[in-house]
Amino acid sequence: MENQRDKISDIIKEKNTTIRNEYYNQYVKQVTPTFSTIKNCVKAYIIGGLICTLGQGLTDFFFNKFGDMELAKAYTTTCLVFLSILFTGLGLYQKLAKFGGAGTLVPITGFANSMAAPAIEYKKEGQVFGIGCKIFTIAGPVILYGIFSSWVLGLIYYILKQFNVV
């Protein structure tokens, strides 16, 4: 850590801007982590596939148990949201996301995680100003624009229906 501060200090003290920029670029290249795109894509594919396989397995289980596909889908959705929030609360979802990257962004589990994570992070600030305020930092805009766009599309559909286009 001390050596790193010395390097930064030497870079800042350099008067020649060309040399200073060169030193800085070398330093950035040295400390910037490198990633394998193919390796990350494979990990995301595996984790996303496992989440989707779990969802399909739950759907099949509930369909076999109740014989109603709509009910099976509802139970599957509820279970995936619950598991995502539970894993977020236990700190496991973040570890899974660190390994699987974009594979954890499967819409239903990723959205549940994005809603629960800020609430859990700010729970120390209390029920109202912590959890209550922060739970909608991600969900609020999604809900707002989801409702607004559905209203606009509904209005367009209504107008088209009046002209017998649809």
C-alpha atoms as a PDB file:
ATOM      1  CA  MET A   1       0.000   0.000   0.000  1.00  0.00           C
ATOM      2  CA  GLU A   2       2.846   2.341   0.880  1.00  0.00           C
ATOM      3  CA  ASN A   3       4.618   1.554  -2.414  1.00  0.00           C
ATOM      4  CA  GLN A   4       1.397   2.316  -4.322  1.00  0.00           C
ATOM      5  CA  ARG A   5       1.095   5.733  -2.624  1.00  0.00           C
ATOM      6  CA  ASP A   6       4.692   6.515  -3.521  1.00  0.00           C
ATOM      7  CA  LYS A   7       4.003   5.673  -7.184  1.00  0.00           C
ATOM      8  CA  ILE A   8       0.930   7.895  -7.249  1.00  0.00           C
ATOM      9  CA  SER A   9       2.849  10.678  -5.523  1.00  0.00           C
ATOM     10  CA  ASP A  10       5.684  10.426  -8.076  1.00  0.00           C
ATOM     11  CA  ILE A  11       3.163  10.562 -10.936  1.00  0.00           C
ATOM     12  CA  ILE A  12       1.500  13.678  -9.526  1.00  0.00           C
ATOM     13  CA  LYS A  13       4.828  15.462  -8.917  1.00  0.00           C
ATOM     14  CA  GLU A  14       6.027  14.964 -12.507  1.00  0.00           C
ATOM     15  CA  LYS A  15       6.038  18.361 -14.246  1.00  0.00           C
ATOM     16  CA  ASN A  16       6.185  17.146 -17.846  1.00  0.00           C
ATOM     17  CA  THR A  17       2.553  16.328 -18.744  1.00  0.00           C
ATOM     18  CA  THR A  18       3.516  13.862 -21.467  1.00  0.00           C
ATOM     19  CA  ILE A  19       5.680  11.835 -19.094  1.00  0.00           C
ATOM     20  CA  ARG A  20       3.077  12.185 -16.316  1.00  0.00           C
ATOM     21  CA  ASN A  21       0.333  10.867 -18.638  1.00  0.00           C
ATOM     22  CA  GLU A  22       2.570   8.007 -19.722  1.00  0.00           C
ATOM     23  CA  TYR A  23       3.323   7.075 -16.093  1.00  0.00           C
ATOM     24  CA  TYR A  24      -0.346   7.318 -15.250  1.00  0.00           C
ATOM     25  CA  ASN A  25      -1.393   5.094 -18.167  1.00  0.00           C
ATOM     26  CA  GLN A  26       1.220   2.509 -17.148  1.00  0.00           C
ATOM     27  CA  TYR A  27      -0.053   2.626 -13.567  1.00  0.00           C
ATOM     28  CA  VAL A  28      -3.678   2.219 -14.642  1.00  0.00           C
ATOM     29  CA  LYS A  29      -2.773  -0.707 -16.889  1.00  0.00           C
ATOM     30  CA  GLN A  30      -0.907  -2.291 -13.974  1.00  0.00           C
ATOM     31  CA  VAL A  31      -3.748  -2.044 -11.428  1.00  0.00           C
ATOM     32  CA  THR A  32      -6.707  -2.671 -13.756  1.00  0.00           C
ATOM     33  CA  PRO A  33      -7.910  -6.258 -13.487  1.00  0.00           C
ATOM     34  CA  THR A  34      -8.130  -8.239 -16.704  1.00  0.00           C
ATOM     35  CA  PHE A  35     -11.069 -10.455 -17.578  1.00  0.00           C
ATOM     36  CA  SER A  36     -11.617 -13.200 -20.073  1.00  0.00           C
ATOM     37  CA  THR A  37     -14.759 -12.411 -22.058  1.00  0.00           C
ATOM     38  CA  ILE A  38     -15.258 -16.011 -23.156  1.00  0.00           C
ATOM     39  CA  LYS A  39     -14.822 -17.304 -19.599  1.00  0.00           C
ATOM     40  CA  ASN A  40     -17.326 -14.729 -18.280  1.00  0.00           C
ATOM     41  CA  CYS A  41     -19.835 -15.613 -21.011  1.00  0.00           C
ATOM     42  CA  VAL A  42     -19.575 -19.323 -20.186  1.00  0.00           C
ATOM     43  CA  LYS A  43     -20.070 -18.636 -16.465  1.00  0.00           C
ATOM     44  CA  ALA A  44     -23.088 -16.393 -17.191  1.00  0.00           C
ATOM     45  CA  TYR A  45     -24.545 -19.027 -19.497  1.00  0.00           C
ATOM     46  CA  ILE A  46     -24.160 -21.746 -16.860  1.00  0.00           C
ATOM     47  CA  ILE A  47     -25.591 -19.699 -13.960  1.00  0.00           C
ATOM     48  CA  GLY A  48     -28.450 -18.275 -16.050  1.00  0.00           C
ATOM     49  CA  GLY A  49     -29.181 -21.757 -17.361  1.00  0.00           C
ATOM     50  CA  LEU A  50     -29.236 -23.211 -13.843  1.00  0.00           C
ATOM     51  CA  ILE A  51     -31.662 -20.518 -12.659  1.00  0.00           C
ATOM     52  CA  CYS A  52     -33.915 -21.162 -15.663  1.00  0.00           C
ATOM     53  CA  THR A  53     -33.655 -24.929 -15.141  1.00  0.00           C
ATOM     54  CA  LEU A  54     -34.694 -24.450 -11.511  1.00  0.00           C
ATOM     55  CA  GLY A  55     -37.661 -22.392 -12.715  1.00  0.00           C
ATOM     56  CA  GLN A  56     -38.674 -25.059 -15.229  1.00  0.00           C
ATOM     57  CA  GLY A  57     -38.275 -27.767 -12.598  1.00  0.00           C
ATOM     58  CA  LEU A  58     -40.523 -25.848 -10.198  1.00  0.00           C
ATOM     59  CA  THR A  59     -43.101 -25.302 -12.956  1.00  0.00           C
ATOM     60  CA  ASP A  60     -43.119 -29.015 -13.786  1.00  0.00           C
ATOM     61  CA  PHE A  61     -43.383 -29.925 -10.094  1.00  0.00           C
ATOM     62  CA  PHE A  62     -46.319 -27.598  -9.458  1.00  0.00           C
ATOM     63  CA  PHE A  63     -48.039 -28.617 -12.689  1.00  0.00           C
ATOM     64  CA  ASN A  64     -47.780 -32.303 -11.746  1.00  0.00           C
ATOM     65  CA  LYS A  65     -49.053 -31.523  -8.247  1.00  0.00           C
ATOM     66  CA  PHE A  66     -52.013 -29.292  -9.212  1.00  0.00           C
ATOM     67  CA  GLY A  67     -52.643 -29.996 -12.911  1.00  0.00           C
ATOM     68  CA  ASP A  68     -53.119 -26.295 -13.714  1.00  0.00           C
ATOM     69  CA  MET A  69     -50.398 -24.538 -15.735  1.00  0.00           C
ATOM     70  CA  GLU A  70     -51.412 -21.005 -14.720  1.00  0.00           C
ATOM     71  CA  LEU A  71     -51.287 -21.964 -11.046  1.00  0.00           C
ATOM     72  CA  ALA A  72     -47.947 -23.700 -11.579  1.00  0.00           C
ATOM     73  CA  LYS A  73     -46.513 -20.548 -13.184  1.00  0.00           C
ATOM     74  CA  ALA A  74     -47.779 -18.395 -10.315  1.00  0.00           C
ATOM     75  CA  TYR A  75     -46.215 -20.677  -7.709  1.00  0.00           C
ATOM     76  CA  THR A  76     -42.965 -20.823  -9.676  1.00  0.00           C
ATOM     77  CA  THR A  77     -42.782 -17.039  -9.846  1.00  0.00           C
ATOM     78  CA  THR A  78     -43.445 -16.759  -6.121  1.00  0.00           C
ATOM     79  CA  CYS A  79     -40.797 -19.361  -5.303  1.00  0.00           C
ATOM     80  CA  LEU A  80     -38.147 -17.749  -7.525  1.00  0.00           C
ATOM     81  CA  VAL A  81     -38.779 -14.314  -6.020  1.00  0.00           C
ATOM     82  CA  PHE A  82     -38.681 -15.775  -2.496  1.00  0.00           C
ATOM     83  CA  LEU A  83     -35.438 -17.673  -3.160  1.00  0.00           C
ATOM     84  CA  SER A  84     -33.834 -14.619  -4.730  1.00  0.00           C
ATOM     85  CA  ILE A  85     -34.712 -12.414  -1.756  1.00  0.00           C
ATOM     86  CA  LEU A  86     -33.642 -15.118   0.699  1.00  0.00           C
ATOM     87  CA  PHE A  87     -30.284 -15.576  -1.052  1.00  0.00           C
ATOM     88  CA  THR A  88     -29.835 -11.789  -1.148  1.00  0.00           C
ATOM     89  CA  GLY A  89     -30.529 -11.533   2.576  1.00  0.00           C
ATOM     90  CA  LEU A  90     -28.072 -14.328   3.350  1.00  0.00           C
ATOM     91  CA  GLY A  91     -25.390 -12.724   1.162  1.00  0.00           C
ATOM     92  CA  LEU A  92     -25.339 -15.665  -1.254  1.00  0.00           C
ATOM     93  CA  TYR A  93     -26.824 -13.901  -4.278  1.00  0.00           C
ATOM     94  CA  GLN A  94     -23.933 -11.431  -4.381  1.00  0.00           C
ATOM     95  CA  LYS A  95     -21.436 -14.313  -4.375  1.00  0.00           C
ATOM     96  CA  LEU A  96     -23.409 -16.013  -7.131  1.00  0.00           C
ATOM     97  CA  ALA A  97     -23.483 -12.750  -9.112  1.00  0.00           C
ATOM     98  CA  LYS A  98     -19.749 -12.271  -8.645  1.00  0.00           C
ATOM     99  CA  PHE A  99     -19.157 -15.705 -10.145  1.00  0.00           C
ATOM    100  CA  GLY A 100     -21.938 -15.802 -12.756  1.00  0.00           C
ATOM    101  CA  GLY A 101     -22.089 -12.135 -13.707  1.00  0.00           C
ATOM    102  CA  ALA A 102     -24.885 -11.379 -16.161  1.00  0.00           C
ATOM    103  CA  GLY A 103     -26.272 -14.895 -15.733  1.00  0.00           C
ATOM    104  CA  THR A 104     -27.903 -13.749 -12.493  1.00  0.00           C
ATOM    105  CA  LEU A 105     -29.837 -11.065 -14.353  1.00  0.00           C
ATOM    106  CA  VAL A 106     -32.576 -13.521 -15.282  1.00  0.00           C
ATOM    107  CA  PRO A 107     -35.486 -11.060 -15.102  1.00  0.00           C
ATOM    108  CA  ILE A 108     -37.464 -12.322 -12.143  1.00  0.00           C
ATOM    109  CA  THR A 109     -34.590 -13.215  -9.820  1.00  0.00           C
ATOM    110  CA  GLY A 110     -32.469 -10.236 -10.847  1.00  0.00           C
ATOM    111  CA  PHE A 111     -35.337  -7.821 -10.231  1.00  0.00           C
ATOM    112  CA  ALA A 112     -36.119  -9.354  -6.831  1.00  0.00           C
ATOM    113  CA  ASN A 113     -32.439  -9.073  -5.885  1.00  0.00           C
ATOM    114  CA  SER A 114     -32.266  -5.449  -7.050  1.00  0.00           C
ATOM    115  CA  MET A 115     -35.258  -4.596  -4.861  1.00  0.00           C
ATOM    116  CA  ALA A 116     -34.085  -6.448  -1.767  1.00  0.00           C
ATOM    117  CA  ALA A 117     -30.405  -5.461  -1.818  1.00  0.00           C
ATOM    118  CA  PRO A 118     -30.855  -1.702  -1.083  1.00  0.00           C
ATOM    119  CA  ALA A 119     -33.411  -2.449   1.632  1.00  0.00           C
ATOM    120  CA  ILE A 120     -31.049  -4.872   3.331  1.00  0.00           C
ATOM    121  CA  GLU A 121     -28.120  -2.491   2.941  1.00  0.00           C
ATOM    122  CA  TYR A 122     -29.961   0.372   4.653  1.00  0.00           C
ATOM    123  CA  LYS A 123     -31.813  -1.593   7.356  1.00  0.00           C
ATOM    124  CA  LYS A 124     -29.557  -0.006  10.007  1.00  0.00           C
ATOM    125  CA  GLU A 125     -31.233   3.327   9.322  1.00  0.00           C
ATOM    126  CA  GLY A 126     -34.580   1.999  10.500  1.00  0.00           C
ATOM    127  CA  GLN A 127     -37.847   0.726   9.096  1.00  0.00           C
ATOM    128  CA  VAL A 128     -39.018   3.987   7.537  1.00  0.00           C
ATOM    129  CA  PHE A 129     -35.895   5.896   6.477  1.00  0.00           C
ATOM    130  CA  GLY A 130     -33.826   2.797   5.787  1.00  0.00           C
ATOM    131  CA  ILE A 131     -35.889  -0.031   4.376  1.00  0.00           C
ATOM    132  CA  GLY A 132     -38.977   2.005   3.456  1.00  0.00           C
ATOM    133  CA  CYS A 133     -37.097   4.654   1.480  1.00  0.00           C
ATOM    134  CA  LYS A 134     -34.447   2.507  -0.138  1.00  0.00           C
ATOM    135  CA  ILE A 135     -36.538  -0.471  -1.255  1.00  0.00           C
ATOM    136  CA  PHE A 136     -37.887   1.496  -4.211  1.00  0.00           C
ATOM    137  CA  THR A 137     -34.581   2.953  -5.456  1.00  0.00           C
ATOM    138  CA  ILE A 138     -34.530   0.402  -8.268  1.00  0.00           C
ATOM    139  CA  ALA A 139     -38.154  -0.716  -8.336  1.00  0.00           C
ATOM    140  CA  GLY A 140     -39.631   2.794  -8.317  1.00  0.00           C
ATOM    141  CA  PRO A 141     -38.493   3.800 -11.810  1.00  0.00           C
ATOM    142  CA  VAL A 142     -39.363   0.359 -13.180  1.00  0.00           C
ATOM    143  CA  ILE A 143     -42.866   0.539 -11.720  1.00  0.00           C
ATOM    144  CA  LEU A 144     -43.324   4.159 -12.827  1.00  0.00           C
ATOM    145  CA  TYR A 145     -42.291   3.616 -16.439  1.00  0.00           C
ATOM    146  CA  GLY A 146     -44.008   0.228 -16.583  1.00  0.00           C
ATOM    147  CA  ILE A 147     -47.330   1.755 -15.555  1.00  0.00           C
ATOM    148  CA  PHE A 148     -46.850   4.797 -17.800  1.00  0.00           C
ATOM    149  CA  SER A 149     -45.932   2.740 -20.875  1.00  0.00           C
ATOM    150  CA  SER A 150     -48.847   0.355 -20.289  1.00  0.00           C
ATOM    151  CA  TRP A 151     -51.161   3.389 -20.077  1.00  0.00           C
ATOM    152  CA  VAL A 152     -49.775   4.789 -23.361  1.00  0.00           C
ATOM    153  CA  LEU A 153     -50.084   1.399 -25.084  1.00  0.00           C
ATOM    154  CA  GLY A 154     -53.615   0.999 -23.718  1.00  0.00           C
ATOM    155  CA  LEU A 155     -54.530   4.423 -25.085  1.00  0.00           C
ATOM    156  CA  ILE A 156     -53.072   3.547 -28.505  1.00  0.00           C
ATOM    157  CA  TYR A 157     -54.974   0.241 -28.458  1.00  0.00           C
ATOM    158  CA  TYR A 158     -58.214   2.055 -27.538  1.00  0.00           C
ATOM    159  CA  ILE A 159     -57.785   4.570 -30.377  1.00  0.00           C
ATOM    160  CA  LEU A 160     -56.984   1.838 -32.906  1.00  0.00           C
ATOM    161  CA  LYS A 161     -59.995  -0.139 -31.707  1.00  0.00           C
ATOM    162  CA  GLN A 162     -62.243   2.905 -32.270  1.00  0.00           C
ATOM    163  CA  PHE A 163     -61.122   3.016 -35.908  1.00  0.00           C
ATOM    164  CA  ASN A 164     -61.536  -0.782 -36.288  1.00  0.00           C
ATOM    165  CA  VAL A 165     -57.840  -1.207 -37.012  1.00  0.00           C
ATOM    166  CA  VAL A 166     -57.430  -3.863 -34.328  1.00  0.00           C
END
